[in-house]
Amino acid sequence: MRLLIHLIPFVSLFPALFSSLFAPSQTTCSPHHINDNDDNSSLCQLHQFQLKIDHLVLAESIQNLTEKIDRIEEREKRIDDMAQKIHHLQSVLSTLKGDSLATDERLKALEEEVRLLWTASRKYNFDLHVLESKAQDTEDRLQTVASQAQKMADVVTEQWIQIQRLEQALHITQMRTMRVQRQLTRCIFLKFINNLSDDPLLKTLGPNFRSYFSRALHQFKRVFAEFKRSHHELQHFIKEKLEKNEFTAALANEELVFFMASALITFPVMSAWMLLSSKLTS
């Protein structure tokens, strides 16, 4: 295309060249002919003017052609620029189409994810409603059980009060019974000792034996009185120690204190008696 455009000036010059080649043969006049015929001279001048006009027209045509060629080249340059821009725009459009496809796929994936989330949300709401219903049923049952438990607690409290009263009555009865038993035992023992001192058999054994027996009996009574006093002091001491401790305070009753004091007093005596008996038998 550009090669043809550059060849246009040479093609347009062909008529002018032909006219310039043939003009001398037609218009060249010798001095003889000029002197003879003025018409021929005028014709030569006219032809020269025609040549100048042709040259001017040719120059103007060449200038116009050059301007057209420049404009064509400028347009071709613009066309090339526009082609590059179109190519760039097509590339951008292809990229945008690719991005659009990726965006559409991402959008579809997000829509699917949203749908799944909505489904999960509805399921969670349903499960929450079921749990709330179960919780309400459980709360109602708990209230019923709590009411029944409160009623049973009232009954148990009343029965516990009755049991406490019975235990107190039983404790008082046991204390009275043990007190009577101790008094009865002491009376029987003292009565036995007094009867033993007034036994006719002792009277027949003589005054010396009776004197020894009376002194032994008197000493035994003193030992028994000391034993009784120590026993009471030991009971008081044990009861104080038990009441000082919060874990053993509930055990500080008279029966347990009496048996513990008796065990602490009789254990050394029994141990000494067993040791003495073993020594005597060996």
Protein backbone atom coordinates (compact mmCIF):
# COMPACT_ATOMS: atom_id res chain seq x y z
CA MET A 1 0.00 0.00 0.00
CA ARG A 2 2.73 2.45 0.97
CA LEU A 3 4.78 1.35 -2.11
CA LEU A 4 1.89 2.27 -4.40
CA ILE A 5 1.49 5.61 -2.66
CA HIS A 6 5.16 6.45 -3.20
CA LEU A 7 4.89 5.48 -6.91
CA ILE A 8 1.97 7.88 -7.52
CA PRO A 9 4.21 11.02 -8.03
CA PHE A 10 6.31 9.21 -10.64
CA VAL A 11 3.19 8.08 -12.48
CA SER A 12 1.78 11.63 -12.47
CA LEU A 13 5.05 13.00 -13.88
CA PHE A 14 4.78 10.92 -17.05
CA PRO A 15 2.46 13.39 -18.94
CA ALA A 16 4.66 16.36 -18.11
CA LEU A 17 7.76 14.47 -19.26
CA PHE A 18 6.11 13.50 -22.50
CA SER A 19 4.98 17.06 -23.10
CA SER A 20 8.45 18.43 -22.41
CA LEU A 21 10.00 15.89 -24.79
CA PHE A 22 7.69 16.64 -27.65
CA ALA A 23 7.47 20.39 -27.14
CA PRO A 24 10.87 21.37 -28.67
CA SER A 25 10.14 19.53 -31.86
CA GLN A 26 6.90 21.41 -32.21
CA THR A 27 7.76 24.86 -30.85
CA THR A 28 11.46 25.42 -31.57
CA CYS A 29 11.71 28.09 -34.11
CA SER A 30 14.75 29.36 -36.07
CA PRO A 31 15.47 33.09 -36.41
CA HIS A 32 14.59 32.92 -40.06
CA HIS A 33 11.15 31.71 -39.41
CA ILE A 34 10.68 34.26 -36.63
CA ASN A 35 11.53 37.08 -38.86
CA ASP A 36 9.17 35.78 -41.51
CA ASN A 37 6.18 34.97 -39.51
CA ASP A 38 5.18 36.79 -36.32
CA ASP A 39 2.39 34.37 -35.78
CA ASN A 40 4.81 31.57 -35.22
CA SER A 41 6.65 33.67 -32.65
CA SER A 42 3.47 34.29 -30.77
CA LEU A 43 2.74 30.60 -30.94
CA CYS A 44 6.17 29.78 -29.43
CA GLN A 45 5.61 32.23 -26.64
CA LEU A 46 2.21 30.79 -26.05
CA HIS A 47 3.70 27.35 -25.92
CA GLN A 48 6.35 28.45 -23.43
CA PHE A 49 3.65 29.96 -21.28
CA GLN A 50 1.82 26.71 -21.54
CA LEU A 51 4.95 24.86 -20.40
CA LYS A 52 5.33 27.16 -17.43
CA ILE A 53 1.72 26.65 -16.55
CA ASP A 54 2.18 22.90 -16.87
CA HIS A 55 5.25 23.11 -14.61
CA LEU A 56 3.31 25.15 -12.08
CA VAL A 57 0.39 22.74 -12.25
CA LEU A 58 2.80 19.85 -11.93
CA ALA A 59 4.52 21.46 -8.94
CA GLU A 60 1.18 22.15 -7.36
CA SER A 61 0.05 18.61 -8.09
CA ILE A 62 3.28 17.25 -6.61
CA GLN A 63 2.82 19.44 -3.53
CA ASN A 64 -0.81 18.36 -3.19
CA LEU A 65 0.22 14.77 -3.70
CA THR A 66 2.97 15.11 -1.09
CA GLU A 67 0.49 16.60 1.36
CA LYS A 68 -1.95 13.80 0.61
CA ILE A 69 0.85 11.27 1.12
CA ASP A 70 1.73 12.92 4.45
CA ARG A 71 -1.90 12.88 5.46
CA ILE A 72 -2.19 9.26 4.37
CA GLU A 73 0.94 8.35 6.35
CA GLU A 74 -0.42 10.24 9.34
CA ARG A 75 -3.71 8.40 8.98
CA GLU A 76 -1.85 5.10 8.61
CA LYS A 77 0.05 5.96 11.77
CA ARG A 78 -3.21 6.73 13.49
CA ILE A 79 -4.65 3.50 12.11
CA ASP A 80 -1.62 1.61 13.47
CA ASP A 81 -2.05 3.34 16.83
CA MET A 82 -5.74 2.56 16.80
CA ALA A 83 -4.95 -1.04 15.80
CA GLN A 84 -2.55 -1.30 18.74
CA LYS A 85 -5.16 0.23 21.02
CA ILE A 86 -7.77 -2.15 19.64
CA HIS A 87 -5.39 -5.05 20.20
CA HIS A 88 -4.74 -3.81 23.73
CA LEU A 89 -8.45 -3.35 24.33
CA GLN A 90 -9.12 -6.83 22.96
CA SER A 91 -6.45 -8.20 25.29
CA VAL A 92 -7.96 -6.30 28.21
CA LEU A 93 -11.42 -7.49 27.18
CA SER A 94 -10.19 -11.08 27.06
CA THR A 95 -8.64 -10.62 30.50
CA LEU A 96 -11.85 -9.07 31.78
CA LYS A 97 -13.83 -11.93 30.31
CA GLY A 98 -11.50 -14.37 32.05
CA ASP A 99 -11.79 -12.41 35.27
CA SER A 100 -15.53 -12.24 34.76
CA LEU A 101 -15.69 -16.00 34.40
CA ALA A 102 -13.58 -16.42 37.53
CA THR A 103 -15.76 -13.86 39.28
CA ASP A 104 -18.90 -15.67 38.15
CA GLU A 105 -17.50 -18.95 39.42
CA ARG A 106 -16.50 -17.32 42.70
CA LEU A 107 -19.92 -15.71 42.91
CA LYS A 108 -21.59 -19.05 42.30
CA ALA A 109 -19.37 -20.63 44.96
CA LEU A 110 -20.26 -17.84 47.40
CA GLU A 111 -23.95 -18.22 46.59
CA GLU A 112 -23.67 -21.96 47.24
CA GLU A 113 -21.84 -21.27 50.49
CA VAL A 114 -24.53 -18.79 51.51
CA ARG A 115 -27.21 -21.36 50.68
CA LEU A 116 -25.45 -23.97 52.79
CA LEU A 117 -25.09 -21.47 55.62
CA TRP A 118 -28.79 -20.66 55.44
CA THR A 119 -29.59 -24.36 55.51
CA ALA A 120 -27.31 -24.87 58.51
CA SER A 121 -28.81 -21.81 60.19
CA ARG A 122 -32.34 -23.14 59.74
CA LYS A 123 -31.22 -26.51 61.10
CA TYR A 124 -29.56 -24.83 64.09
CA ASN A 125 -32.69 -22.77 64.72
CA PHE A 126 -34.79 -25.92 64.64
CA ASP A 127 -32.38 -27.73 66.97
CA LEU A 128 -32.37 -24.69 69.25
CA HIS A 129 -36.16 -24.70 69.32
CA VAL A 130 -36.15 -28.42 70.17
CA LEU A 131 -33.56 -27.86 72.91
CA GLU A 132 -35.56 -24.97 74.33
CA SER A 133 -38.67 -27.15 74.36
CA LYS A 134 -36.77 -29.95 76.09
CA ALA A 135 -35.27 -27.47 78.54
CA GLN A 136 -38.74 -26.14 79.32
CA ASP A 137 -40.03 -29.69 79.89
CA THR A 138 -37.02 -30.43 82.07
CA GLU A 139 -37.58 -27.24 84.03
CA ASP A 140 -41.23 -28.16 84.56
CA ARG A 141 -40.20 -31.62 85.75
CA LEU A 142 -37.57 -30.10 88.01
CA GLN A 143 -40.15 -27.79 89.51
CA THR A 144 -42.43 -30.76 90.11
CA VAL A 145 -39.59 -32.77 91.64
CA ALA A 146 -38.51 -29.76 93.71
CA SER A 147 -42.06 -29.37 95.00
CA GLN A 148 -42.20 -33.07 95.88
CA ALA A 149 -38.75 -32.85 97.46
CA GLN A 150 -39.87 -29.85 99.50
CA LYS A 151 -42.90 -31.77 100.70
CA MET A 152 -40.71 -34.77 101.55
CA ALA A 153 -38.22 -32.46 103.26
CA ASP A 154 -41.03 -31.07 105.41
CA VAL A 155 -42.11 -34.61 106.26
CA VAL A 156 -38.52 -35.67 106.95
CA THR A 157 -37.97 -32.58 109.09
CA GLU A 158 -41.05 -33.38 111.10
CA GLN A 159 -39.99 -37.01 111.44
CA TRP A 160 -36.46 -35.89 112.34
CA ILE A 161 -37.85 -33.70 115.08
CA GLN A 162 -39.82 -36.66 116.37
CA ILE A 163 -36.71 -38.87 116.16
CA GLN A 164 -34.69 -36.26 118.05
CA ARG A 165 -37.33 -36.16 120.72
CA LEU A 166 -37.35 -39.96 120.90
CA GLU A 167 -33.55 -40.03 121.07
CA GLN A 168 -33.57 -37.47 123.84
CA ALA A 169 -36.19 -39.47 125.70
CA LEU A 170 -34.19 -42.66 125.13
CA HIS A 171 -31.01 -40.94 126.28
CA ILE A 172 -32.69 -39.68 129.44
CA THR A 173 -34.12 -43.15 130.07
CA GLN A 174 -30.70 -44.77 129.58
CA MET A 175 -29.07 -42.25 131.92
CA ARG A 176 -31.66 -42.90 134.57
CA THR A 177 -31.34 -46.65 134.11
CA MET A 178 -27.53 -46.54 134.40
CA ARG A 179 -27.73 -44.25 137.41
CA VAL A 180 -30.12 -46.65 139.09
CA GLN A 181 -27.90 -49.60 138.15
CA ARG A 182 -24.81 -47.88 139.58
CA GLN A 183 -26.63 -46.99 142.77
CA LEU A 184 -28.01 -50.49 142.99
CA THR A 185 -24.59 -52.04 142.43
CA ARG A 186 -22.96 -49.79 145.01
CA CYS A 187 -25.68 -50.54 147.51
CA ILE A 188 -25.38 -54.26 146.92
CA PHE A 189 -21.60 -54.12 147.24
CA LEU A 190 -21.71 -52.07 150.44
CA LYS A 191 -24.43 -54.25 151.82
CA PHE A 192 -22.30 -57.28 151.04
CA ILE A 193 -19.34 -55.73 152.85
CA ASN A 194 -21.43 -54.77 155.86
CA ASN A 195 -22.98 -58.21 155.98
CA LEU A 196 -19.54 -59.69 155.68
CA SER A 197 -18.36 -57.70 158.69
CA ASP A 198 -21.33 -58.90 160.72
CA ASP A 199 -20.96 -62.49 159.58
CA PRO A 200 -21.09 -64.91 162.58
CA LEU A 201 -18.21 -66.84 161.03
CA LEU A 202 -15.92 -63.88 161.54
CA LYS A 203 -17.03 -63.60 165.12
CA THR A 204 -16.02 -67.23 165.74
CA LEU A 205 -12.53 -66.64 164.28
CA GLY A 206 -11.46 -64.45 167.15
CA PRO A 207 -10.92 -60.81 167.90
CA ASN A 208 -7.51 -60.63 166.17
CA PHE A 209 -8.84 -61.75 162.82
CA ARG A 210 -11.80 -59.49 163.21
CA SER A 211 -9.48 -56.61 163.96
CA TYR A 212 -7.42 -57.36 160.84
CA PHE A 213 -10.52 -57.71 158.76
CA SER A 214 -11.97 -54.46 160.11
CA ARG A 215 -8.80 -52.60 159.26
CA ALA A 216 -8.72 -54.16 155.79
CA LEU A 217 -12.37 -53.30 155.31
CA HIS A 218 -11.73 -49.74 156.42
CA GLN A 219 -8.77 -49.49 154.05
CA PHE A 220 -10.85 -50.92 151.25
CA LYS A 221 -13.57 -48.34 151.89
CA ARG A 222 -10.95 -45.59 151.71
CA VAL A 223 -9.60 -47.02 148.46
CA PHE A 224 -13.11 -47.29 147.07
CA ALA A 225 -13.88 -43.69 148.05
CA GLU A 226 -10.64 -42.54 146.40
CA PHE A 227 -11.48 -44.61 143.35
CA LYS A 228 -14.92 -43.03 143.16
CA ARG A 229 -13.48 -39.52 143.50
CA SER A 230 -10.85 -40.19 140.83
CA HIS A 231 -13.49 -41.71 138.62
CA HIS A 232 -15.63 -38.56 138.82
CA GLU A 233 -12.62 -36.31 138.15
CA LEU A 234 -11.60 -38.44 135.17
CA GLN A 235 -15.14 -38.28 133.78
CA HIS A 236 -15.10 -34.49 134.04
CA PHE A 237 -11.67 -34.31 132.34
CA ILE A 238 -12.69 -36.64 129.49
CA LYS A 239 -15.92 -34.74 128.90
CA GLU A 240 -14.08 -31.40 128.67
CA LYS A 241 -11.57 -32.81 126.16
CA LEU A 242 -14.32 -34.31 124.01
CA GLU A 243 -16.34 -31.07 123.99
CA LYS A 244 -13.32 -28.99 122.91
CA ASN A 245 -13.04 -30.91 119.61
CA GLU A 246 -15.85 -30.26 117.11
CA PHE A 247 -15.63 -33.81 115.75
CA THR A 248 -15.96 -35.51 119.17
CA ALA A 249 -18.34 -33.01 120.78
CA ALA A 250 -21.34 -35.11 119.72
CA LEU A 251 -19.88 -38.12 121.59
CA ALA A 252 -19.59 -36.28 124.92
CA ASN A 253 -22.51 -38.06 126.62
CA GLU A 254 -22.49 -39.47 130.14
CA GLU A 255 -22.55 -43.14 129.09
CA LEU A 256 -19.47 -42.95 126.87
CA VAL A 257 -17.63 -40.75 129.37
CA PHE A 258 -18.45 -43.20 132.18
CA PHE A 259 -17.20 -46.24 130.23
CA MET A 260 -14.03 -44.47 129.09
CA ALA A 261 -13.20 -43.34 132.61
CA SER A 262 -13.90 -46.83 133.97
CA ALA A 263 -11.68 -48.38 131.29
CA LEU A 264 -8.83 -45.97 132.01
CA ILE A 265 -8.98 -46.77 135.73
CA THR A 266 -9.54 -50.50 135.57
CA PHE A 267 -7.05 -51.20 132.75
CA PRO A 268 -3.92 -50.48 134.86
CA VAL A 269 -5.37 -52.43 137.81
CA MET A 270 -6.20 -55.41 135.62
CA SER A 271 -2.79 -55.24 133.94
CA ALA A 272 -1.05 -55.17 137.34
CA TRP A 273 -3.25 -58.01 138.57
CA MET A 274 -2.47 -60.13 135.49
CA LEU A 275 1.25 -59.39 135.78
CA LEU A 276 1.24 -60.24 139.50
CA SER A 277 -0.72 -63.43 138.87
CA SER A 278 1.73 -64.53 136.18
CA LYS A 279 4.65 -63.88 138.53
CA LEU A 280 3.03 -65.81 141.38
CA THR A 281 2.09 -68.79 139.20
CA SER A 282 5.59 -69.00 137.73
